C-alpha atoms as a PDB file:
ATOM      1  CA  MET A   1      84.686  86.615 104.003  1.00  0.00           C
ATOM      2  CA  LEU A   2      81.639  88.323 102.518  1.00  0.00           C
ATOM      3  CA  VAL A   3      81.316  88.409  98.738  1.00  0.00           C
ATOM      4  CA  GLU A   4      79.063  91.260  97.608  1.00  0.00           C
ATOM      5  CA  ASN A   5      76.838  90.939  94.541  1.00  0.00           C
ATOM      6  CA  GLN A   6      76.133  93.492  91.803  1.00  0.00           C
ATOM      7  CA  VAL A   7      78.492  96.125  93.172  1.00  0.00           C
ATOM      8  CA  ALA A   8      78.641  99.525  91.456  1.00  0.00           C
ATOM      9  CA  LEU A   9      82.175 100.155  90.156  1.00  0.00           C
ATOM     10  CA  GLN A  10      81.732 103.830  89.318  1.00  0.00           C
ATOM     11  CA  PRO A  11      83.194 104.905  92.710  1.00  0.00           C
ATOM     12  CA  HIS A  12      86.116 102.531  92.187  1.00  0.00           C
ATOM     13  CA  ASN A  13      87.518 103.799  88.868  1.00  0.00           C
ATOM     14  CA  SER A  14      88.936 107.283  88.398  1.00  0.00           C
ATOM     15  CA  PHE A  15      87.323 107.640  84.944  1.00  0.00           C
ATOM     16  CA  GLY A  16      83.932 107.459  86.677  1.00  0.00           C
ATOM     17  CA  ILE A  17      82.636 104.907  84.169  1.00  0.00           C
ATOM     18  CA  ALA A  18      79.358 103.325  85.274  1.00  0.00           C
ATOM     19  CA  ALA A  19      79.546  99.525  85.466  1.00  0.00           C
ATOM     20  CA  ARG A  20      78.881  96.731  87.942  1.00  0.00           C
ATOM     21  CA  ALA A  21      80.832  93.812  89.302  1.00  0.00           C
ATOM     22  CA  LYS A  22      78.825  90.613  89.411  1.00  0.00           C
ATOM     23  CA  ARG A  23      80.778  89.633  92.559  1.00  0.00           C
ATOM     24  CA  LEU A  24      83.257  91.657  94.607  1.00  0.00           C
ATOM     25  CA  ALA A  25      85.304  90.727  97.680  1.00  0.00           C
ATOM     26  CA  ARG A  26      87.114  93.321  99.789  1.00  0.00           C
ATOM     27  CA  ILE A  27      90.586  92.122 100.790  1.00  0.00           C
ATOM     28  CA  ARG A  28      91.672  93.963 103.955  1.00  0.00           C
ATOM     29  CA  HIS A  29      94.058  91.304 105.264  1.00  0.00           C
ATOM     30  CA  VAL A  30      95.959  88.382 103.750  1.00  0.00           C
ATOM     31  CA  SER A  31      93.759  86.137 105.901  1.00  0.00           C
ATOM     32  CA  ASP A  32      90.699  87.459 104.025  1.00  0.00           C
ATOM     33  CA  LEU A  33      92.152  86.225 100.758  1.00  0.00           C
ATOM     34  CA  HIS A  34      93.103  82.845 102.183  1.00  0.00           C
ATOM     35  CA  ALA A  35      89.620  82.404 103.650  1.00  0.00           C
ATOM     36  CA  LEU A  36      88.073  83.295 100.314  1.00  0.00           C
ATOM     37  CA  MET A  37      90.349  80.917  98.410  1.00  0.00           C
ATOM     38  CA  ALA A  38      89.272  78.070 100.699  1.00  0.00           C
ATOM     39  CA  SER A  39      85.571  78.697 100.038  1.00  0.00           C
ATOM     40  CA  GLU A  40      83.158  77.146  97.563  1.00  0.00           C
ATOM     41  CA  GLU A  41      82.505  80.672  96.278  1.00  0.00           C
ATOM     42  CA  TRP A  42      86.115  80.879  95.081  1.00  0.00           C
ATOM     43  CA  ALA A  43      86.017  77.519  93.315  1.00  0.00           C
ATOM     44  CA  SER A  44      82.765  78.453  91.600  1.00  0.00           C
ATOM     45  CA  ALA A  45      83.976  81.902  90.515  1.00  0.00           C
ATOM     46  CA  CYS A  46      87.381  80.769  89.282  1.00  0.00           C
ATOM     47  CA  ALA A  47      85.856  77.932  87.287  1.00  0.00           C
ATOM     48  CA  GLU A  48      84.400  80.627  85.022  1.00  0.00           C
ATOM     49  CA  ALA A  49      87.430  82.952  84.740  1.00  0.00           C
ATOM     50  CA  PRO A  50      90.437  84.151  86.769  1.00  0.00           C
ATOM     51  CA  PRO A  51      89.621  86.851  89.357  1.00  0.00           C
ATOM     52  CA  PHE A  52      90.356  90.509  88.609  1.00  0.00           C
ATOM     53  CA  VAL A  53      92.515  92.419  91.097  1.00  0.00           C
ATOM     54  CA  LEU A  54      91.330  96.008  91.612  1.00  0.00           C
ATOM     55  CA  GLY A  55      93.481  98.577  93.379  1.00  0.00           C
ATOM     56  CA  GLY A  56      92.770 102.299  93.205  1.00  0.00           C
ATOM     57  CA  GLY A  57      91.181 102.007  89.752  1.00  0.00           C
ATOM     58  CA  SER A  58      93.220 104.956  88.473  1.00  0.00           C
ATOM     59  CA  ASN A  59      94.675 103.116  85.482  1.00  0.00           C
ATOM     60  CA  LEU A  60      91.548 101.366  84.276  1.00  0.00           C
ATOM     61  CA  VAL A  61      88.984 101.535  81.479  1.00  0.00           C
ATOM     62  CA  ILE A  62      85.869  99.425  82.094  1.00  0.00           C
ATOM     63  CA  THR A  63      84.033  98.572  78.879  1.00  0.00           C
ATOM     64  CA  GLY A  64      81.081  96.757  80.465  1.00  0.00           C
ATOM     65  CA  ASP A  65      79.873  94.948  83.570  1.00  0.00           C
ATOM     66  CA  VAL A  66      82.583  92.738  85.060  1.00  0.00           C
ATOM     67  CA  LYS A  67      81.474  89.123  85.279  1.00  0.00           C
ATOM     68  CA  THR A  68      84.625  87.753  86.895  1.00  0.00           C
ATOM     69  CA  LEU A  69      85.179  87.892  90.662  1.00  0.00           C
ATOM     70  CA  VAL A  70      86.693  91.271  91.584  1.00  0.00           C
ATOM     71  CA  LEU A  71      89.243  91.353  94.417  1.00  0.00           C
ATOM     72  CA  LYS A  72      89.192  94.905  95.804  1.00  0.00           C
ATOM     73  CA  VAL A  73      92.531  95.393  97.582  1.00  0.00           C
ATOM     74  CA  GLU A  74      92.115  97.470 100.767  1.00  0.00           C
ATOM     75  CA  ILE A  75      95.138  96.332 102.815  1.00  0.00           C
ATOM     76  CA  ALA A  76      96.334  99.209 105.009  1.00  0.00           C
ATOM     77  CA  GLY A  77      99.553  99.873 106.922  1.00  0.00           C
ATOM     78  CA  ARG A  78     102.647 102.086 106.886  1.00  0.00           C
ATOM     79  CA  ARG A  79     105.908 101.448 108.712  1.00  0.00           C
ATOM     80  CA  LEU A  80     109.659 101.890 108.768  1.00  0.00           C
ATOM     81  CA  VAL A  81     111.097  98.411 108.185  1.00  0.00           C
ATOM     82  CA  ALA A  82     114.792  99.198 108.597  1.00  0.00           C
ATOM     83  CA  GLU A  83     117.289 102.032 108.794  1.00  0.00           C
ATOM     84  CA  THR A  84     120.995 101.878 108.048  1.00  0.00           C
ATOM     85  CA  ASP A  85     123.730 104.403 107.361  1.00  0.00           C
ATOM     86  CA  LYS A  86     122.892 104.097 103.662  1.00  0.00           C
ATOM     87  CA  ALA A  87     119.081 104.047 103.505  1.00  0.00           C
ATOM     88  CA  TRP A  88     115.640 103.936 105.051  1.00  0.00           C
ATOM     89  CA  VAL A  89     113.396 101.057 104.031  1.00  0.00           C
ATOM     90  CA  VAL A  90     109.694 101.921 104.329  1.00  0.00           C
ATOM     91  CA  GLU A  91     106.668  99.707 103.675  1.00  0.00           C
ATOM     92  CA  GLY A  92     103.119 100.422 102.627  1.00  0.00           C
ATOM     93  CA  GLY A  93     100.097  98.139 102.546  1.00  0.00           C
ATOM     94  CA  ALA A  94      98.860  97.536  99.010  1.00  0.00           C
ATOM     95  CA  GLY A  95      95.589  99.339  99.660  1.00  0.00           C
ATOM     96  CA  GLU A  96      97.204 102.572 100.864  1.00  0.00           C
ATOM     97  CA  ASN A  97      96.667 105.663  98.709  1.00  0.00           C
ATOM     98  CA  TRP A  98      99.956 106.362  96.889  1.00  0.00           C
ATOM     99  CA  HIS A  99     100.058 110.140  97.354  1.00  0.00           C
ATOM    100  CA  ASP A 100      99.141 109.828 101.040  1.00  0.00           C
ATOM    101  CA  PHE A 101     101.983 107.337 101.455  1.00  0.00           C
ATOM    102  CA  VAL A 102     104.465 109.714  99.773  1.00  0.00           C
ATOM    103  CA  THR A 103     103.264 112.561 101.997  1.00  0.00           C
ATOM    104  CA  TRP A 104     103.559 110.416 105.132  1.00  0.00           C
ATOM    105  CA  SER A 105     107.100 109.221 104.346  1.00  0.00           C
ATOM    106  CA  LEU A 106     108.238 112.807 103.815  1.00  0.00           C
ATOM    107  CA  GLU A 107     106.592 113.971 107.041  1.00  0.00           C
ATOM    108  CA  GLN A 108     108.416 111.227 108.940  1.00  0.00           C
ATOM    109  CA  GLY A 109     111.746 112.585 107.669  1.00  0.00           C
ATOM    110  CA  TRP A 110     112.318 109.880 105.056  1.00  0.00           C
ATOM    111  CA  PRO A 111     112.649 111.687 101.701  1.00  0.00           C
ATOM    112  CA  GLY A 112     113.102 110.071  98.300  1.00  0.00           C
ATOM    113  CA  LEU A 113     109.612 109.711  96.833  1.00  0.00           C
ATOM    114  CA  GLU A 114     108.858 113.422  96.424  1.00  0.00           C
ATOM    115  CA  ASN A 115     109.191 113.409  92.595  1.00  0.00           C
ATOM    116  CA  LEU A 116     106.375 110.839  92.499  1.00  0.00           C
ATOM    117  CA  ALA A 117     103.900 112.985  94.438  1.00  0.00           C
ATOM    118  CA  LEU A 118     100.236 113.233  93.401  1.00  0.00           C
ATOM    119  CA  ILE A 119     100.319 110.209  91.091  1.00  0.00           C
ATOM    120  CA  PRO A 120      96.852 108.678  91.492  1.00  0.00           C
ATOM    121  CA  GLY A 121      96.413 105.075  92.562  1.00  0.00           C
ATOM    122  CA  SER A 122      97.428 102.725  95.339  1.00  0.00           C
ATOM    123  CA  VAL A 123     100.745 101.541  96.748  1.00  0.00           C
ATOM    124  CA  GLY A 124     100.058  98.014  95.516  1.00  0.00           C
ATOM    125  CA  ALA A 125      99.524  99.189  91.948  1.00  0.00           C
ATOM    126  CA  SER A 126     102.715 101.275  91.842  1.00  0.00           C
ATOM    127  CA  PRO A 127     105.116  98.432  90.943  1.00  0.00           C
ATOM    128  CA  VAL A 128     102.659  96.917  88.448  1.00  0.00           C
ATOM    129  CA  GLN A 129     102.862 100.070  86.352  1.00  0.00           C
ATOM    130  CA  ASN A 130     106.400 101.030  87.421  1.00  0.00           C
ATOM    131  CA  ILE A 131     105.047 104.541  87.895  1.00  0.00           C
ATOM    132  CA  GLY A 132     107.352 107.426  87.138  1.00  0.00           C
ATOM    133  CA  ALA A 133     107.491 111.212  86.922  1.00  0.00           C
ATOM    134  CA  TYR A 134     109.968 114.101  86.893  1.00  0.00           C
ATOM    135  CA  GLY A 135     113.118 112.052  86.549  1.00  0.00           C
ATOM    136  CA  VAL A 136     112.279 109.208  88.971  1.00  0.00           C
ATOM    137  CA  GLU A 137     110.754 105.790  88.296  1.00  0.00           C
ATOM    138  CA  LEU A 138     109.446 103.485  90.988  1.00  0.00           C
ATOM    139  CA  GLN A 139     112.197 100.968  90.205  1.00  0.00           C
ATOM    140  CA  ASP A 140     114.743 103.598  91.336  1.00  0.00           C
ATOM    141  CA  ARG A 141     113.320 103.421  94.871  1.00  0.00           C
ATOM    142  CA  PHE A 142     111.998  99.860  94.952  1.00  0.00           C
ATOM    143  CA  HIS A 143     113.210  97.366  97.542  1.00  0.00           C
ATOM    144  CA  SER A 144     110.844  94.376  97.453  1.00  0.00           C
ATOM    145  CA  LEU A 145     107.195  93.358  97.620  1.00  0.00           C
ATOM    146  CA  ASP A 146     105.015  90.627  99.107  1.00  0.00           C
ATOM    147  CA  ALA A 147     102.255  88.933  97.146  1.00  0.00           C
ATOM    148  CA  VAL A 148      99.940  85.933  97.182  1.00  0.00           C
ATOM    149  CA  ASP A 149      99.829  83.389  94.365  1.00  0.00           C
ATOM    150  CA  LEU A 150      96.167  83.253  93.312  1.00  0.00           C
ATOM    151  CA  LEU A 151      96.562  79.689  92.066  1.00  0.00           C
ATOM    152  CA  THR A 152      98.213  78.140  95.109  1.00  0.00           C
ATOM    153  CA  GLY A 153      97.566  80.625  97.929  1.00  0.00           C
ATOM    154  CA  GLN A 154     101.296  80.736  98.723  1.00  0.00           C
ATOM    155  CA  LEU A 155     102.928  83.973  99.865  1.00  0.00           C
ATOM    156  CA  PHE A 156     106.068  85.041  98.036  1.00  0.00           C
ATOM    157  CA  THR A 157     108.481  87.964  97.912  1.00  0.00           C
ATOM    158  CA  LEU A 158     110.054  89.560  94.832  1.00  0.00           C
ATOM    159  CA  ASP A 159     113.051  91.877  94.525  1.00  0.00           C
ATOM    160  CA  ALA A 160     113.549  94.426  91.742  1.00  0.00           C
ATOM    161  CA  ALA A 161     115.195  92.009  89.311  1.00  0.00           C
ATOM    162  CA  GLN A 162     112.361  89.513  89.708  1.00  0.00           C
ATOM    163  CA  CYS A 163     109.771  92.224  88.992  1.00  0.00           C
ATOM    164  CA  GLY A 164     111.167  92.707  85.469  1.00  0.00           C
ATOM    165  CA  PHE A 165     110.700  96.468  85.499  1.00  0.00           C
ATOM    166  CA  GLY A 166     110.619  98.383  82.217  1.00  0.00           C
ATOM    167  CA  TYR A 167     109.098 101.655  81.039  1.00  0.00           C
ATOM    168  CA  ARG A 168     105.585 101.556  82.577  1.00  0.00           C
ATOM    169  CA  ASP A 169     106.009  97.799  82.666  1.00  0.00           C
ATOM    170  CA  SER A 170     106.593  94.878  85.019  1.00  0.00           C
ATOM    171  CA  VAL A 171     106.157  91.116  85.275  1.00  0.00           C
ATOM    172  CA  PHE A 172     102.646  91.770  86.617  1.00  0.00           C
ATOM    173  CA  LYS A 173     101.482  93.041  83.209  1.00  0.00           C
ATOM    174  CA  HIS A 174     102.473  89.919  81.274  1.00  0.00           C
ATOM    175  CA  VAL A 175     100.504  86.699  80.917  1.00  0.00           C
ATOM    176  CA  PRO A 176     102.724  83.598  81.289  1.00  0.00           C
ATOM    177  CA  SER A 177     103.206  81.795  77.972  1.00  0.00           C
ATOM    178  CA  ASP A 178     104.081  78.523  79.712  1.00  0.00           C
ATOM    179  CA  ALA A 179     104.826  77.073  83.148  1.00  0.00           C
ATOM    180  CA  ARG A 180     108.408  78.383  83.093  1.00  0.00           C
ATOM    181  CA  SER A 181     107.725  81.958  81.984  1.00  0.00           C
ATOM    182  CA  LEU A 182     107.680  84.809  84.470  1.00  0.00           C
ATOM    183  CA  GLY A 183     104.405  86.515  83.600  1.00  0.00           C
ATOM    184  CA  LEU A 184     102.255  87.144  86.678  1.00  0.00           C
ATOM    185  CA  ALA A 185      99.284  88.945  85.130  1.00  0.00           C
ATOM    186  CA  GLY A 186      96.125  87.632  86.746  1.00  0.00           C
ATOM    187  CA  ARG A 187      98.090  85.324  89.016  1.00  0.00           C
ATOM    188  CA  ALA A 188      99.336  87.511  91.854  1.00  0.00           C
ATOM    189  CA  LEU A 189      97.773  89.852  94.395  1.00  0.00           C
ATOM    190  CA  ILE A 190     100.318  92.260  95.875  1.00  0.00           C
ATOM    191  CA  THR A 191      99.869  92.756  99.623  1.00  0.00           C
ATOM    192  CA  ALA A 192     102.736  95.096 100.620  1.00  0.00           C
ATOM    193  CA  VAL A 193     105.515  97.073  98.914  1.00  0.00           C
ATOM    194  CA  ARG A 194     108.823  98.242 100.377  1.00  0.00           C
ATOM    195  CA  PHE A 195     110.928 101.163  99.194  1.00  0.00           C
ATOM    196  CA  ARG A 196     114.622 101.884  99.702  1.00  0.00           C
ATOM    197  CA  LEU A 197     115.199 105.613 100.218  1.00  0.00           C
ATOM    198  CA  PRO A 198     118.934 106.372  99.909  1.00  0.00           C
ATOM    199  CA  LYS A 199     121.046 108.329 102.409  1.00  0.00           C
ATOM    200  CA  PRO A 200     122.239 110.976 102.127  1.00  0.00           C
ATOM    201  CA  TRP A 201     119.235 112.350 100.265  1.00  0.00           C
ATOM    202  CA  LYS A 202     120.022 113.966  96.918  1.00  0.00           C
ATOM    203  CA  PRO A 203     117.517 115.959  94.858  1.00  0.00           C
ATOM    204  CA  VAL A 204     116.571 114.648  91.416  1.00  0.00           C
ATOM    205  CA  LEU A 205     116.389 117.696  89.179  1.00  0.00           C
ATOM    206  CA  GLY A 206     117.180 118.403  85.536  1.00  0.00           C
ATOM    207  CA  TYR A 207     113.570 118.087  84.431  1.00  0.00           C
ATOM    208  CA  ALA A 208     112.361 121.139  82.478  1.00  0.00           C
ATOM    209  CA  ASP A 209     109.382 121.932  84.709  1.00  0.00           C
ATOM    210  CA  LEU A 210     111.489 121.667  87.868  1.00  0.00           C
ATOM    211  CA  ASP A 211     114.228 123.816  86.315  1.00  0.00           C
ATOM    212  CA  ARG A 212     111.567 126.402  85.564  1.00  0.00           C
ATOM    213  CA  LYS A 213     110.430 126.371  89.198  1.00  0.00           C
ATOM    214  CA  MET A 214     114.006 126.855  90.353  1.00  0.00           C
ATOM    215  CA  ALA A 215     114.375 129.838  88.052  1.00  0.00           C
ATOM    216  CA  GLU A 216     111.038 131.346  89.115  1.00  0.00           C
ATOM    217  CA  THR A 217     111.713 131.014  92.845  1.00  0.00           C
ATOM    218  CA  GLY A 218     115.463 131.597  92.825  1.00  0.00           C
ATOM    219  CA  ILE A 219     115.897 128.442  94.925  1.00  0.00           C
ATOM    220  CA  GLY A 220     119.021 126.721  93.621  1.00  0.00           C
ATOM    221  CA  GLU A 221     119.171 123.937  96.196  1.00  0.00           C
ATOM    222  CA  PRO A 222     115.586 122.893  96.945  1.00  0.00           C
ATOM    223  CA  SER A 223     114.679 120.640  99.860  1.00  0.00           C
ATOM    224  CA  ALA A 224     112.713 117.428  99.433  1.00  0.00           C
ATOM    225  CA  ARG A 225     109.616 119.236 100.682  1.00  0.00           C
ATOM    226  CA  GLN A 226     110.156 122.027  98.155  1.00  0.00           C
ATOM    227  CA  ILE A 227     110.398 119.521  95.302  1.00  0.00           C
ATOM    228  CA  PHE A 228     107.257 117.796  96.607  1.00  0.00           C
ATOM    229  CA  ASP A 229     105.366 121.109  96.590  1.00  0.00           C
ATOM    230  CA  TRP A 230     106.622 121.945  93.093  1.00  0.00           C
ATOM    231  CA  VAL A 231     105.619 118.580  91.685  1.00  0.00           C
ATOM    232  CA  VAL A 232     102.153 118.859  93.235  1.00  0.00           C
ATOM    233  CA  ALA A 233     101.717 122.369  91.797  1.00  0.00           C
ATOM    234  CA  ILE A 234     102.944 121.318  88.339  1.00  0.00           C
ATOM    235  CA  ARG A 235     100.671 118.290  88.197  1.00  0.00           C
ATOM    236  CA  ARG A 236      97.629 120.267  89.386  1.00  0.00           C
ATOM    237  CA  ALA A 237      98.257 122.909  86.720  1.00  0.00           C
ATOM    238  CA  LYS A 238      98.610 120.369  83.912  1.00  0.00           C
ATOM    239  CA  LEU A 239      96.337 117.473  84.820  1.00  0.00           C
ATOM    240  CA  PRO A 240      92.657 117.336  85.797  1.00  0.00           C
ATOM    241  CA  ASP A 241      91.713 116.174  89.283  1.00  0.00           C
ATOM    242  CA  PRO A 242      89.876 112.817  88.855  1.00  0.00           C
ATOM    243  CA  ALA A 243      87.509 113.874  91.651  1.00  0.00           C
ATOM    244  CA  VAL A 244      86.377 116.760  89.437  1.00  0.00           C
ATOM    245  CA  ILE A 245      86.890 115.456  85.874  1.00  0.00           C
ATOM    246  CA  GLY A 246      87.093 111.692  85.484  1.00  0.00           C
ATOM    247  CA  ASN A 247      90.281 110.438  83.838  1.00  0.00           C
ATOM    248  CA  ALA A 248      92.969 107.772  84.007  1.00  0.00           C
ATOM    249  CA  GLY A 249      95.983 110.064  83.854  1.00  0.00           C
ATOM    250  CA  SER A 250      98.330 109.777  80.896  1.00  0.00           C
ATOM    251  CA  PHE A 251      96.496 107.531  78.450  1.00  0.00           C
ATOM    252  CA  PHE A 252      99.372 106.654  76.128  1.00  0.00           C
ATOM    253  CA  LYS A 253     102.994 105.720  76.726  1.00  0.00           C
ATOM    254  CA  ASN A 254     105.678 108.005  75.317  1.00  0.00           C
ATOM    255  CA  PRO A 255     107.029 106.040  72.331  1.00  0.00           C
ATOM    256  CA  THR A 256     110.727 105.421  71.737  1.00  0.00           C
ATOM    257  CA  VAL A 257     112.286 105.516  68.273  1.00  0.00           C
ATOM    258  CA  SER A 258     115.727 105.156  66.742  1.00  0.00           C
ATOM    259  CA  PRO A 259     117.848 108.271  66.091  1.00  0.00           C
ATOM    260  CA  GLU A 260     117.207 107.743  62.378  1.00  0.00           C
ATOM    261  CA  GLN A 261     113.433 107.666  62.872  1.00  0.00           C
ATOM    262  CA  CYS A 262     113.627 110.767  65.047  1.00  0.00           C
ATOM    263  CA  ALA A 263     115.709 112.619  62.456  1.00  0.00           C
ATOM    264  CA  ASP A 264     113.112 111.758  59.815  1.00  0.00           C
ATOM    265  CA  ILE A 265     110.301 113.132  61.984  1.00  0.00           C
ATOM    266  CA  ILE A 266     112.294 116.274  62.846  1.00  0.00           C
ATOM    267  CA  ALA A 267     112.866 116.882  59.139  1.00  0.00           C
ATOM    268  CA  ARG A 268     109.075 117.046  58.709  1.00  0.00           C
ATOM    269  CA  ASP A 269     108.144 118.464  62.112  1.00  0.00           C
ATOM    270  CA  PRO A 270     111.103 120.412  63.601  1.00  0.00           C
ATOM    271  CA  LYS A 271     109.184 121.239  66.795  1.00  0.00           C
ATOM    272  CA  VAL A 272     108.610 117.622  67.855  1.00  0.00           C
ATOM    273  CA  VAL A 273     109.374 117.218  71.580  1.00  0.00           C
ATOM    274  CA  HIS A 274     111.989 114.497  72.090  1.00  0.00           C
ATOM    275  CA  TYR A 275     114.428 113.265  74.752  1.00  0.00           C
ATOM    276  CA  PRO A 276     117.646 111.254  74.214  1.00  0.00           C
ATOM    277  CA  MET A 277     117.741 108.045  76.283  1.00  0.00           C
ATOM    278  CA  ALA A 278     120.750 106.343  77.883  1.00  0.00           C
ATOM    279  CA  ASP A 279     120.514 103.387  75.490  1.00  0.00           C
ATOM    280  CA  GLY A 280     120.786 105.638  72.431  1.00  0.00           C
ATOM    281  CA  SER A 281     117.097 105.606  71.556  1.00  0.00           C
ATOM    282  CA  ILE A 282     114.934 108.736  71.474  1.00  0.00           C
ATOM    283  CA  LYS A 283     111.747 109.148  73.496  1.00  0.00           C
ATOM    284  CA  LEU A 284     109.011 111.234  71.878  1.00  0.00           C
ATOM    285  CA  ALA A 285     106.325 113.124  73.794  1.00  0.00           C
ATOM    286  CA  ALA A 286     103.077 111.324  72.985  1.00  0.00           C
ATOM    287  CA  GLY A 287     101.064 114.371  74.065  1.00  0.00           C
ATOM    288  CA  TRP A 288     102.853 116.523  71.479  1.00  0.00           C
ATOM    289  CA  LEU A 289     102.182 113.971  68.716  1.00  0.00           C
ATOM    290  CA  ILE A 290      98.473 113.872  69.606  1.00  0.00           C
ATOM    291  CA  ASP A 291      98.251 117.659  69.810  1.00  0.00           C
ATOM    292  CA  ALA A 292     100.011 117.997  66.448  1.00  0.00           C
ATOM    293  CA  CYS A 293      97.267 115.860  64.929  1.00  0.00           C
ATOM    294  CA  GLY A 294      94.671 118.327  66.192  1.00  0.00           C
ATOM    295  CA  TRP A 295      93.000 116.182  68.849  1.00  0.00           C
ATOM    296  CA  LYS A 296      93.101 118.519  71.839  1.00  0.00           C
ATOM    297  CA  GLY A 297      89.538 119.241  72.994  1.00  0.00           C
ATOM    298  CA  LYS A 298      87.865 116.821  70.568  1.00  0.00           C
ATOM    299  CA  SER A 299      85.433 114.166  71.755  1.00  0.00           C
ATOM    300  CA  VAL A 300      83.552 110.968  71.022  1.00  0.00           C
ATOM    301  CA  GLY A 301      80.296 111.038  72.945  1.00  0.00           C
ATOM    302  CA  ASN A 302      81.198 112.032  76.499  1.00  0.00           C
ATOM    303  CA  ALA A 303      84.839 110.939  76.178  1.00  0.00           C
ATOM    304  CA  ALA A 304      87.169 113.783  75.244  1.00  0.00           C
ATOM    305  CA  VAL A 305      90.799 114.813  74.888  1.00  0.00           C
ATOM    306  CA  TYR A 306      91.647 117.214  77.713  1.00  0.00           C
ATOM    307  CA  GLU A 307      92.047 120.728  76.349  1.00  0.00           C
ATOM    308  CA  LYS A 308      95.082 121.476  78.543  1.00  0.00           C
ATOM    309  CA  GLN A 309      96.974 118.210  77.950  1.00  0.00           C
ATOM    310  CA  ALA A 310      96.424 116.050  74.863  1.00  0.00           C
ATOM    311  CA  LEU A 311      97.874 112.985  76.593  1.00  0.00           C
ATOM    312  CA  VAL A 312      94.866 112.806  78.929  1.00  0.00           C
ATOM    313  CA  LEU A 313      91.418 111.516  77.963  1.00  0.00           C
ATOM    314  CA  VAL A 314      88.574 112.686  80.194  1.00  0.00           C
ATOM    315  CA  ASN A 315      84.955 111.960  81.121  1.00  0.00           C
ATOM    316  CA  ARG A 316      82.977 115.018  80.064  1.00  0.00           C
ATOM    317  CA  GLY A 317      79.655 113.607  81.249  1.00  0.00           C
ATOM    318  CA  GLY A 318      80.542 113.611  84.935  1.00  0.00           C
ATOM    319  CA  ARG A 319      78.940 111.164  87.340  1.00  0.00           C
ATOM    320  CA  GLU A 320      75.412 111.784  86.091  1.00  0.00           C
ATOM    321  CA  GLN A 321      75.986 111.082  82.385  1.00  0.00           C
ATOM    322  CA  PRO A 322      79.392 109.394  82.330  1.00  0.00           C
ATOM    323  CA  CYS A 323      81.211 108.383  79.210  1.00  0.00           C
ATOM    324  CA  THR A 324      81.251 104.686  78.435  1.00  0.00           C
ATOM    325  CA  GLY A 325      84.328 102.528  78.128  1.00  0.00           C
ATOM    326  CA  GLY A 326      83.370 102.038  74.495  1.00  0.00           C
ATOM    327  CA  GLU A 327      83.488 105.790  73.867  1.00  0.00           C
ATOM    328  CA  VAL A 328      86.893 106.027  75.522  1.00  0.00           C
ATOM    329  CA  MET A 329      88.336 103.208  73.431  1.00  0.00           C
ATOM    330  CA  THR A 330      86.766 104.503  70.186  1.00  0.00           C
ATOM    331  CA  LEU A 331      88.420 107.859  70.831  1.00  0.00           C
ATOM    332  CA  ALA A 332      91.714 106.202  71.736  1.00  0.00           C
ATOM    333  CA  LYS A 333      91.743 104.104  68.562  1.00  0.00           C
ATOM    334  CA  ALA A 334      90.956 107.146  66.414  1.00  0.00           C
ATOM    335  CA  ILE A 335      93.916 108.965  67.986  1.00  0.00           C
ATOM    336  CA  GLN A 336      96.173 105.961  67.381  1.00  0.00           C
ATOM    337  CA  THR A 337      95.174 105.858  63.713  1.00  0.00           C
ATOM    338  CA  SER A 338      95.713 109.593  63.276  1.00  0.00           C
ATOM    339  CA  VAL A 339      99.188 109.567  64.863  1.00  0.00           C
ATOM    340  CA  TYR A 340     100.220 106.469  62.912  1.00  0.00           C
ATOM    341  CA  GLU A 341      99.122 107.947  59.590  1.00  0.00           C
ATOM    342  CA  ARG A 342     101.084 111.152  60.193  1.00  0.00           C
ATOM    343  CA  PHE A 343     104.176 109.934  62.041  1.00  0.00           C
ATOM    344  CA  GLY A 344     104.314 106.168  61.419  1.00  0.00           C
ATOM    345  CA  ILE A 345     104.189 105.557  65.183  1.00  0.00           C
ATOM    346  CA  LEU A 346     101.629 103.353  66.930  1.00  0.00           C
ATOM    347  CA  LEU A 347     100.881 104.732  70.379  1.00  0.00           C
ATOM    348  CA  GLU A 348     100.431 102.159  73.140  1.00  0.00           C
ATOM    349  CA  PRO A 349      97.700 102.767  75.755  1.00  0.00           C
ATOM    350  CA  GLU A 350      98.722 102.716  79.419  1.00  0.00           C
ATOM    351  CA  PRO A 351      95.447 101.773  81.175  1.00  0.00           C
ATOM    352  CA  VAL A 352      94.192  98.248  81.679  1.00  0.00           C
ATOM    353  CA  VAL A 353      91.077  97.647  79.591  1.00  0.00           C
ATOM    354  CA  ILE A 354      88.464  95.167  80.850  1.00  0.00           C
END
């Protein structure tokens, strides 16, 4: 197992932030990780700080050079694990590109992930964030995952309940408070993820943008491929391509409030975009809140709020003069302050900040 030194991370984060990893190891097989963990290099690196697991880098803000050992997950593989009368179970290696995996599963005749098309990132990162879009969350299609314990080297498998899924949340985002707690942040490297795609396939509609597409096309009963194409078109129209304009997708989570809080906000701002939730709470559109505070198009250095979607922060400097992680976080904190002062709501960032 070769550990590379002083590796440029700009190609490995969708924001295009320029930074370096002091040491980086590419994990292409579980055996690579086990070999690394048995080496003196591992003992030396981990004596300083826990390693950092890097997937597609699409949900990441790097604020400086990374001194900890970076584990770049590049495990490939796609396969049908099982098929029954009720479902297909498909598996992707953690290093597989998420959108390519969705496309592949649909082309094989195994629909169910089409609403999650064009979400940037890797298969291994998808359960960490519990990605979601257009009426479907990853937990709705999740079967199980395999991972390696970075403390012991043991392989283990988790089902949905053990992953502790929540809104853009999972057990992988929480640091354990003691030996009995379930937090796995910094402790696990996901190697493969399996998805249960129900039979018979049923479209997930009812989302405003998809309803609009149905009305525009006159297609009342779209196929899985049609929904896939619609979702791709909607996302491309709303969100910048990271290959063209660096970004980390939606930067803030949509906050939830009580009906009373929502009524208070509506009384002051009748146009606030909100959605009733099954548990009785109300979800507010973070992008609308940010836009209402006048942030669309504004910038701090080369970090800016995307002019077409206030929920997205972008790198205006490109690859040649990229924004810094500091500029991104200064802008994010200014937005948080502005929204809190007007609405009494503290927006929570989605990306991991290192």
